[in-house]
């Protein structure tokens, strides 16, 4: 299980371009919906639409909801820091 702080760290790492480190964090809890959401965005950034769509379904979010991955990551971070 990843903590809220772990997920915030994953988002910050993704925003700074450290995709691999962010990916390692979210892979630690593939049942948490927010972790799945971050995981989805990471695969969207990577250009793997099929895998991203899988994680979006697991997260309960739509692939098409955000055109800009950075804006989506900012929205995730805002939800985590409310």
PDB file of N, CA and C in Angstrom:
ATOM      1  N   UNK A   1       0.840  -1.188   0.000  1.00  0.00           N
ATOM      2  CA  UNK A   1       0.000   0.000   0.000  1.00  0.00           C
ATOM      3  C   UNK A   1       0.883   1.249   0.000  1.00  0.00           C
ATOM      4  N   UNK A   2       0.563   2.172  -0.886  1.00  0.00           N
ATOM      5  CA  UNK A   2       1.310   3.427  -0.930  1.00  0.00           C
ATOM      6  C   UNK A   2       0.548   4.502  -0.159  1.00  0.00           C
ATOM      7  N   UNK A   3       1.272   5.380   0.464  1.00  0.00           N
ATOM      8  CA  UNK A   3       0.654   6.463   1.223  1.00  0.00           C
ATOM      9  C   UNK A   3       0.340   7.641   0.305  1.00  0.00           C
ATOM     10  N   UNK A   4      -0.433   8.552   0.827  1.00  0.00           N
ATOM     11  CA  UNK A   4      -0.724   9.792   0.108  1.00  0.00           C
ATOM     12  C   UNK A   4       0.583  10.520  -0.219  1.00  0.00           C
ATOM     13  N   UNK A   5       1.497  10.539   0.740  1.00  0.00           N
ATOM     14  CA  UNK A   5       2.795  11.200   0.511  1.00  0.00           C
ATOM     15  C   UNK A   5       3.583  10.505  -0.596  1.00  0.00           C
ATOM     16  N   UNK A   6       3.505   9.168  -0.639  1.00  0.00           N
ATOM     17  CA  UNK A   6       4.171   8.431  -1.720  1.00  0.00           C
ATOM     18  C   UNK A   6       3.596   8.834  -3.074  1.00  0.00           C
ATOM     19  N   UNK A   7       2.274   8.967  -3.138  1.00  0.00           N
ATOM     20  CA  UNK A   7       1.631   9.332  -4.400  1.00  0.00           C
ATOM     21  C   UNK A   7       1.980  10.762  -4.807  1.00  0.00           C
ATOM     22  N   UNK A   8       2.047  11.662  -3.839  1.00  0.00           N
ATOM     23  CA  UNK A   8       2.478  13.033  -4.130  1.00  0.00           C
ATOM     24  C   UNK A   8       3.910  13.011  -4.662  1.00  0.00           C
ATOM     25  N   UNK A   9       4.747  12.206  -4.062  1.00  0.00           N
ATOM     26  CA  UNK A   9       6.137  12.069  -4.528  1.00  0.00           C
ATOM     27  C   UNK A   9       6.164  11.534  -5.961  1.00  0.00           C
ATOM     28  N   UNK A  10       5.324  10.534  -6.251  1.00  0.00           N
ATOM     29  CA  UNK A  10       5.262   9.976  -7.609  1.00  0.00           C
ATOM     30  C   UNK A  10       4.856  11.050  -8.613  1.00  0.00           C
ATOM     31  N   UNK A  11       3.872  11.868  -8.251  1.00  0.00           N
ATOM     32  CA  UNK A  11       3.442  12.953  -9.139  1.00  0.00           C
ATOM     33  C   UNK A  11       4.584  13.945  -9.340  1.00  0.00           C
ATOM     34  N   UNK A  12       5.248  14.332  -8.258  1.00  0.00           N
ATOM     35  CA  UNK A  12       6.367  15.272  -8.371  1.00  0.00           C
ATOM     36  C   UNK A  12       7.487  14.700  -9.245  1.00  0.00           C
ATOM     37  N   UNK A  13       7.771  13.422  -9.078  1.00  0.00           N
ATOM     38  CA  UNK A  13       8.793  12.782  -9.906  1.00  0.00           C
ATOM     39  C   UNK A  13       8.385  12.787 -11.373  1.00  0.00           C
ATOM     40  N   UNK A  14       7.123  12.486 -11.631  1.00  0.00           N
ATOM     41  CA  UNK A  14       6.630  12.494 -13.015  1.00  0.00           C
ATOM     42  C   UNK A  14       6.734  13.893 -13.608  1.00  0.00           C
ATOM     43  N   UNK A  15       6.362  14.896 -12.829  1.00  0.00           N
ATOM     44  CA  UNK A  15       6.432  16.277 -13.315  1.00  0.00           C
ATOM     45  C   UNK A  15       7.868  16.715 -13.591  1.00  0.00           C
ATOM     46  N   UNK A  16       8.813  16.133 -12.857  1.00  0.00           N
ATOM     47  CA  UNK A  16      10.224  16.489 -13.066  1.00  0.00           C
ATOM     48  C   UNK A  16      10.885  15.629 -14.144  1.00  0.00           C
ATOM     49  N   UNK A  17      10.118  14.685 -14.704  1.00  0.00           N
ATOM     50  CA  UNK A  17      10.645  13.864 -15.790  1.00  0.00           C
ATOM     51  C   UNK A  17      11.217  12.526 -15.376  1.00  0.00           C
ATOM     52  N   UNK A  18      11.121  12.182 -14.100  1.00  0.00           N
ATOM     53  CA  UNK A  18      11.652  10.894 -13.632  1.00  0.00           C
ATOM     54  C   UNK A  18      10.553   9.837 -13.683  1.00  0.00           C
ATOM     55  N   UNK A  19      10.213   9.439 -14.905  1.00  0.00           N
ATOM     56  CA  UNK A  19       9.128   8.494 -15.161  1.00  0.00           C
ATOM     57  C   UNK A  19       9.365   7.175 -14.435  1.00  0.00           C
ATOM     58  N   UNK A  20      10.584   6.643 -14.501  1.00  0.00           N
ATOM     59  CA  UNK A  20      10.875   5.334 -13.912  1.00  0.00           C
ATOM     60  C   UNK A  20      10.655   5.322 -12.403  1.00  0.00           C
ATOM     61  N   UNK A  21      11.122   6.336 -11.704  1.00  0.00           N
ATOM     62  CA  UNK A  21      10.947   6.383 -10.250  1.00  0.00           C
ATOM     63  C   UNK A  21       9.472   6.524  -9.887  1.00  0.00           C
ATOM     64  N   UNK A  22       8.746   7.345 -10.630  1.00  0.00           N
ATOM     65  CA  UNK A  22       7.306   7.494 -10.386  1.00  0.00           C
ATOM     66  C   UNK A  22       6.596   6.171 -10.629  1.00  0.00           C
ATOM     67  N   UNK A  23       6.981   5.488 -11.673  1.00  0.00           N
ATOM     68  CA  UNK A  23       6.371   4.204 -12.028  1.00  0.00           C
ATOM     69  C   UNK A  23       6.609   3.167 -10.932  1.00  0.00           C
ATOM     70  N   UNK A  24       7.810   3.120 -10.388  1.00  0.00           N
ATOM     71  CA  UNK A  24       8.106   2.171  -9.302  1.00  0.00           C
ATOM     72  C   UNK A  24       7.195   2.411  -8.106  1.00  0.00           C
ATOM     73  N   UNK A  25       6.934   3.660  -7.777  1.00  0.00           N
ATOM     74  CA  UNK A  25       6.073   3.964  -6.628  1.00  0.00           C
ATOM     75  C   UNK A  25       4.658   3.467  -6.870  1.00  0.00           C
ATOM     76  N   UNK A  26       4.077   3.801  -8.012  1.00  0.00           N
ATOM     77  CA  UNK A  26       2.671   3.436  -8.239  1.00  0.00           C
ATOM     78  C   UNK A  26       2.495   1.941  -8.450  1.00  0.00           C
ATOM     79  N   UNK A  27       3.522   1.257  -8.913  1.00  0.00           N
ATOM     80  CA  UNK A  27       3.430  -0.194  -9.071  1.00  0.00           C
ATOM     81  C   UNK A  27       3.328  -0.905  -7.730  1.00  0.00           C
ATOM     82  N   UNK A  28       3.674  -0.233  -6.648  1.00  0.00           N
ATOM     83  CA  UNK A  28       3.626  -0.843  -5.323  1.00  0.00           C
ATOM     84  C   UNK A  28       2.204  -1.059  -4.820  1.00  0.00           C
ATOM     85  N   UNK A  29       1.224  -0.383  -5.428  1.00  0.00           N
ATOM     86  CA  UNK A  29      -0.177  -0.559  -5.010  1.00  0.00           C
ATOM     87  C   UNK A  29      -1.078  -0.433  -6.228  1.00  0.00           C
ATOM     88  N   UNK A  30      -1.287  -1.536  -6.897  1.00  0.00           N
ATOM     89  CA  UNK A  30      -2.075  -1.538  -8.125  1.00  0.00           C
ATOM     90  C   UNK A  30      -3.571  -1.677  -7.867  1.00  0.00           C
ATOM     91  N   UNK A  31      -3.981  -1.637  -6.595  1.00  0.00           N
ATOM     92  CA  UNK A  31      -5.400  -1.700  -6.257  1.00  0.00           C
ATOM     93  C   UNK A  31      -5.970  -0.344  -5.847  1.00  0.00           C
ATOM     94  N   UNK A  32      -5.109   0.603  -5.532  1.00  0.00           N
ATOM     95  CA  UNK A  32      -5.544   1.939  -5.130  1.00  0.00           C
ATOM     96  C   UNK A  32      -5.918   2.750  -6.369  1.00  0.00           C
ATOM     97  N   UNK A  33      -7.096   3.370  -6.360  1.00  0.00           N
ATOM     98  CA  UNK A  33      -7.568   4.072  -7.559  1.00  0.00           C
ATOM     99  C   UNK A  33      -6.681   5.265  -7.931  1.00  0.00           C
ATOM    100  N   UNK A  34      -6.153   5.982  -6.951  1.00  0.00           N
ATOM    101  CA  UNK A  34      -5.285   7.115  -7.274  1.00  0.00           C
ATOM    102  C   UNK A  34      -3.948   6.634  -7.819  1.00  0.00           C
ATOM    103  N   UNK A  35      -3.435   5.567  -7.257  1.00  0.00           N
ATOM    104  CA  UNK A  35      -2.214   4.974  -7.784  1.00  0.00           C
ATOM    105  C   UNK A  35      -2.420   4.533  -9.231  1.00  0.00           C
ATOM    106  N   UNK A  36      -3.574   3.927  -9.505  1.00  0.00           N
ATOM    107  CA  UNK A  36      -3.900   3.517 -10.879  1.00  0.00           C
ATOM    108  C   UNK A  36      -4.009   4.729 -11.795  1.00  0.00           C
ATOM    109  N   UNK A  37      -4.545   5.829 -11.281  1.00  0.00           N
ATOM    110  CA  UNK A  37      -4.680   7.048 -12.086  1.00  0.00           C
ATOM    111  C   UNK A  37      -3.307   7.595 -12.468  1.00  0.00           C
ATOM    112  N   UNK A  38      -2.411   7.691 -11.483  1.00  0.00           N
ATOM    113  CA  UNK A  38      -1.054   8.157 -11.790  1.00  0.00           C
ATOM    114  C   UNK A  38      -0.395   7.199 -12.782  1.00  0.00           C
ATOM    115  N   UNK A  39      -0.578   5.912 -12.561  1.00  0.00           N
ATOM    116  CA  UNK A  39      -0.023   4.888 -13.451  1.00  0.00           C
ATOM    117  C   UNK A  39      -0.527   5.110 -14.878  1.00  0.00           C
ATOM    118  N   UNK A  40      -1.811   5.410 -15.007  1.00  0.00           N
ATOM    119  CA  UNK A  40      -2.404   5.663 -16.325  1.00  0.00           C
ATOM    120  C   UNK A  40      -1.745   6.852 -17.011  1.00  0.00           C
ATOM    121  N   UNK A  41      -1.571   7.931 -16.274  1.00  0.00           N
ATOM    122  CA  UNK A  41      -0.964   9.135 -16.852  1.00  0.00           C
ATOM    123  C   UNK A  41       0.478   8.854 -17.280  1.00  0.00           C
ATOM    124  N   UNK A  42       1.189   8.085 -16.491  1.00  0.00           N
ATOM    125  CA  UNK A  42       2.568   7.751 -16.854  1.00  0.00           C
ATOM    126  C   UNK A  42       2.619   7.020 -18.187  1.00  0.00           C
ATOM    127  N   UNK A  43       1.702   6.086 -18.389  1.00  0.00           N
ATOM    128  CA  UNK A  43       1.692   5.364 -19.666  1.00  0.00           C
ATOM    129  C   UNK A  43       1.201   6.247 -20.811  1.00  0.00           C
ATOM    130  N   UNK A  44       0.335   7.209 -20.497  1.00  0.00           N
ATOM    131  CA  UNK A  44      -0.073   8.184 -21.523  1.00  0.00           C
ATOM    132  C   UNK A  44       1.144   9.009 -21.953  1.00  0.00           C
ATOM    133  N   UNK A  45       1.934   9.457 -20.979  1.00  0.00           N
ATOM    134  CA  UNK A  45       3.151  10.215 -21.269  1.00  0.00           C
ATOM    135  C   UNK A  45       4.107   9.373 -22.117  1.00  0.00           C
ATOM    136  N   UNK A  46       4.199   8.114 -21.788  1.00  0.00           N
ATOM    137  CA  UNK A  46       5.095   7.193 -22.491  1.00  0.00           C
ATOM    138  C   UNK A  46       4.648   6.958 -23.935  1.00  0.00           C
ATOM    139  N   UNK A  47       3.375   7.228 -24.204  1.00  0.00           N
ATOM    140  CA  UNK A  47       2.847   6.998 -25.545  1.00  0.00           C
ATOM    141  C   UNK A  47       2.218   5.632 -25.726  1.00  0.00           C
ATOM    142  N   UNK A  48       2.003   4.921 -24.625  1.00  0.00           N
ATOM    143  CA  UNK A  48       1.404   3.586 -24.655  1.00  0.00           C
ATOM    144  C   UNK A  48      -0.090   3.710 -24.341  1.00  0.00           C
ATOM    145  N   UNK A  49      -0.873   4.091 -25.350  1.00  0.00           N
ATOM    146  CA  UNK A  49      -2.299   4.368 -25.154  1.00  0.00           C
ATOM    147  C   UNK A  49      -3.065   3.148 -24.664  1.00  0.00           C
ATOM    148  N   UNK A  50      -2.759   1.973 -25.179  1.00  0.00           N
ATOM    149  CA  UNK A  50      -3.471   0.766 -24.759  1.00  0.00           C
ATOM    150  C   UNK A  50      -3.289   0.487 -23.284  1.00  0.00           C
ATOM    151  N   UNK A  51      -2.055   0.544 -22.811  1.00  0.00           N
ATOM    152  CA  UNK A  51      -1.774   0.317 -21.401  1.00  0.00           C
ATOM    153  C   UNK A  51      -2.356   1.446 -20.554  1.00  0.00           C
ATOM    154  N   UNK A  52      -2.251   2.674 -21.034  1.00  0.00           N
ATOM    155  CA  UNK A  52      -2.826   3.809 -20.310  1.00  0.00           C
ATOM    156  C   UNK A  52      -4.330   3.625 -20.141  1.00  0.00           C
ATOM    157  N   UNK A  53      -5.020   3.228 -21.197  1.00  0.00           N
ATOM    158  CA  UNK A  53      -6.473   3.028 -21.118  1.00  0.00           C
ATOM    159  C   UNK A  53      -6.826   1.945 -20.102  1.00  0.00           C
ATOM    160  N   UNK A  54      -6.032   0.901 -20.046  1.00  0.00           N
ATOM    161  CA  UNK A  54      -6.248  -0.155 -19.045  1.00  0.00           C
ATOM    162  C   UNK A  54      -6.207   0.446 -17.642  1.00  0.00           C
ATOM    163  N   UNK A  55      -5.181   1.245 -17.341  1.00  0.00           N
ATOM    164  CA  UNK A  55      -5.044   1.838 -16.010  1.00  0.00           C
ATOM    165  C   UNK A  55      -6.109   2.898 -15.747  1.00  0.00           C
ATOM    166  N   UNK A  56      -6.522   3.623 -16.779  1.00  0.00           N
ATOM    167  CA  UNK A  56      -7.633   4.571 -16.593  1.00  0.00           C
ATOM    168  C   UNK A  56      -8.902   3.827 -16.201  1.00  0.00           C
ATOM    169  N   UNK A  57      -9.175   2.708 -16.846  1.00  0.00           N
ATOM    170  CA  UNK A  57     -10.360   1.918 -16.467  1.00  0.00           C
ATOM    171  C   UNK A  57     -10.256   1.479 -15.016  1.00  0.00           C
ATOM    172  N   UNK A  58      -9.096   0.996 -14.608  1.00  0.00           N
ATOM    173  CA  UNK A  58      -8.902   0.557 -13.218  1.00  0.00           C
ATOM    174  C   UNK A  58      -9.069   1.721 -12.245  1.00  0.00           C
ATOM    175  N   UNK A  59      -8.687   2.915 -12.683  1.00  0.00           N
ATOM    176  CA  UNK A  59      -8.779   4.099 -11.823  1.00  0.00           C
ATOM    177  C   UNK A  59     -10.176   4.699 -11.795  1.00  0.00           C
ATOM    178  N   UNK A  60     -11.000   4.346 -12.784  1.00  0.00           N
ATOM    179  CA  UNK A  60     -12.332   4.942 -12.866  1.00  0.00           C
ATOM    180  C   UNK A  60     -12.324   6.326 -13.486  1.00  0.00           C
ATOM    181  N   UNK A  61     -11.333   6.594 -14.322  1.00  0.00           N
ATOM    182  CA  UNK A  61     -11.215   7.888 -14.999  1.00  0.00           C
ATOM    183  C   UNK A  61     -11.174   7.679 -16.506  1.00  0.00           C
ATOM    184  N   UNK A  62     -11.467   8.734 -17.240  1.00  0.00           N
ATOM    185  CA  UNK A  62     -11.492   8.653 -18.701  1.00  0.00           C
ATOM    186  C   UNK A  62     -10.154   9.084 -19.289  1.00  0.00           C
ATOM    187  N   UNK A  63      -9.672   8.325 -20.231  1.00  0.00           N
ATOM    188  CA  UNK A  63      -8.427   8.626 -20.947  1.00  0.00           C
ATOM    189  C   UNK A  63      -8.491  10.012 -21.582  1.00  0.00           C
ATOM    190  N   UNK A  64      -9.655  10.359 -22.107  1.00  0.00           N
ATOM    191  CA  UNK A  64      -9.827  11.600 -22.860  1.00  0.00           C
ATOM    192  C   UNK A  64     -10.068  12.831 -21.987  1.00  0.00           C
ATOM    193  N   UNK A  65     -10.181  12.671 -20.687  1.00  0.00           N
ATOM    194  CA  UNK A  65     -10.559  13.783 -19.808  1.00  0.00           C
ATOM    195  C   UNK A  65      -9.542  14.928 -19.828  1.00  0.00           C
ATOM    196  N   UNK A  66      -8.286  14.613 -20.013  1.00  0.00           N
ATOM    197  CA  UNK A  66      -7.232  15.634 -20.027  1.00  0.00           C
ATOM    198  C   UNK A  66      -6.394  15.468 -21.285  1.00  0.00           C
ATOM    199  N   UNK A  67      -6.219  16.543 -22.016  1.00  0.00           N
ATOM    200  CA  UNK A  67      -5.341  16.507 -23.189  1.00  0.00           C
ATOM    201  C   UNK A  67      -3.885  16.690 -22.772  1.00  0.00           C
ATOM    202  N   UNK A  68      -3.675  17.398 -21.655  1.00  0.00           N
ATOM    203  CA  UNK A  68      -2.329  17.726 -21.196  1.00  0.00           C
ATOM    204  C   UNK A  68      -1.988  16.919 -19.943  1.00  0.00           C
ATOM    205  N   UNK A  69      -0.976  16.065 -20.030  1.00  0.00           N
ATOM    206  CA  UNK A  69      -0.597  15.204 -18.907  1.00  0.00           C
ATOM    207  C   UNK A  69      -0.138  16.016 -17.699  1.00  0.00           C
ATOM    208  N   UNK A  70       0.558  17.126 -17.933  1.00  0.00           N
ATOM    209  CA  UNK A  70       1.015  17.942 -16.796  1.00  0.00           C
ATOM    210  C   UNK A  70      -0.176  18.522 -16.027  1.00  0.00           C
ATOM    211  N   UNK A  71      -1.198  18.957 -16.747  1.00  0.00           N
ATOM    212  CA  UNK A  71      -2.403  19.480 -16.089  1.00  0.00           C
ATOM    213  C   UNK A  71      -3.102  18.369 -15.312  1.00  0.00           C
ATOM    214  N   UNK A  72      -3.107  17.182 -15.877  1.00  0.00           N
ATOM    215  CA  UNK A  72      -3.735  16.055 -15.188  1.00  0.00           C
ATOM    216  C   UNK A  72      -2.966  15.695 -13.921  1.00  0.00           C
ATOM    217  N   UNK A  73      -1.649  15.664 -14.006  1.00  0.00           N
ATOM    218  CA  UNK A  73      -0.842  15.396 -12.814  1.00  0.00           C
ATOM    219  C   UNK A  73      -1.057  16.476 -11.758  1.00  0.00           C
ATOM    220  N   UNK A  74      -1.183  17.725 -12.178  1.00  0.00           N
ATOM    221  CA  UNK A  74      -1.463  18.813 -11.232  1.00  0.00           C
ATOM    222  C   UNK A  74      -2.815  18.606 -10.562  1.00  0.00           C
ATOM    223  N   UNK A  75      -3.803  18.128 -11.317  1.00  0.00           N
ATOM    224  CA  UNK A  75      -5.130  17.856 -10.748  1.00  0.00           C
ATOM    225  C   UNK A  75      -5.061  16.711  -9.743  1.00  0.00           C
ATOM    226  N   UNK A  76      -4.276  15.695 -10.052  1.00  0.00           N
ATOM    227  CA  UNK A  76      -4.107  14.576  -9.116  1.00  0.00           C
ATOM    228  C   UNK A  76      -3.451  15.078  -7.836  1.00  0.00           C
ATOM    229  N   UNK A  77      -2.409  15.879  -7.984  1.00  0.00           N
ATOM    230  CA  UNK A  77      -1.719  16.409  -6.803  1.00  0.00           C
ATOM    231  C   UNK A  77      -2.657  17.274  -5.970  1.00  0.00           C
ATOM    232  N   UNK A  78      -3.465  18.089  -6.626  1.00  0.00           N
ATOM    233  CA  UNK A  78      -4.426  18.924  -5.899  1.00  0.00           C
ATOM    234  C   UNK A  78      -5.409  18.056  -5.124  1.00  0.00           C
ATOM    235  N   UNK A  79      -5.859  16.964  -5.727  1.00  0.00           N
ATOM    236  CA  UNK A  79      -6.791  16.060  -5.049  1.00  0.00           C
ATOM    237  C   UNK A  79      -6.123  15.387  -3.847  1.00  0.00           C
ATOM    238  N   UNK A  80      -4.838  15.133  -3.950  1.00  0.00           N
ATOM    239  CA  UNK A  80      -4.108  14.483  -2.857  1.00  0.00           C
ATOM    240  C   UNK A  80      -3.764  15.444  -1.726  1.00  0.00           C
ATOM    241  N   UNK A  81      -3.737  16.732  -2.017  1.00  0.00           N
ATOM    242  CA  UNK A  81      -3.315  17.712  -1.007  1.00  0.00           C
ATOM    243  C   UNK A  81      -4.456  18.587  -0.510  1.00  0.00           C
ATOM    244  N   UNK A  82      -5.680  18.217  -0.851  1.00  0.00           N
ATOM    245  CA  UNK A  82      -6.848  19.038  -0.494  1.00  0.00           C
ATOM    246  C   UNK A  82      -6.850  19.464   0.915  1.00  0.00           C
TER     247      UNK A  82
END
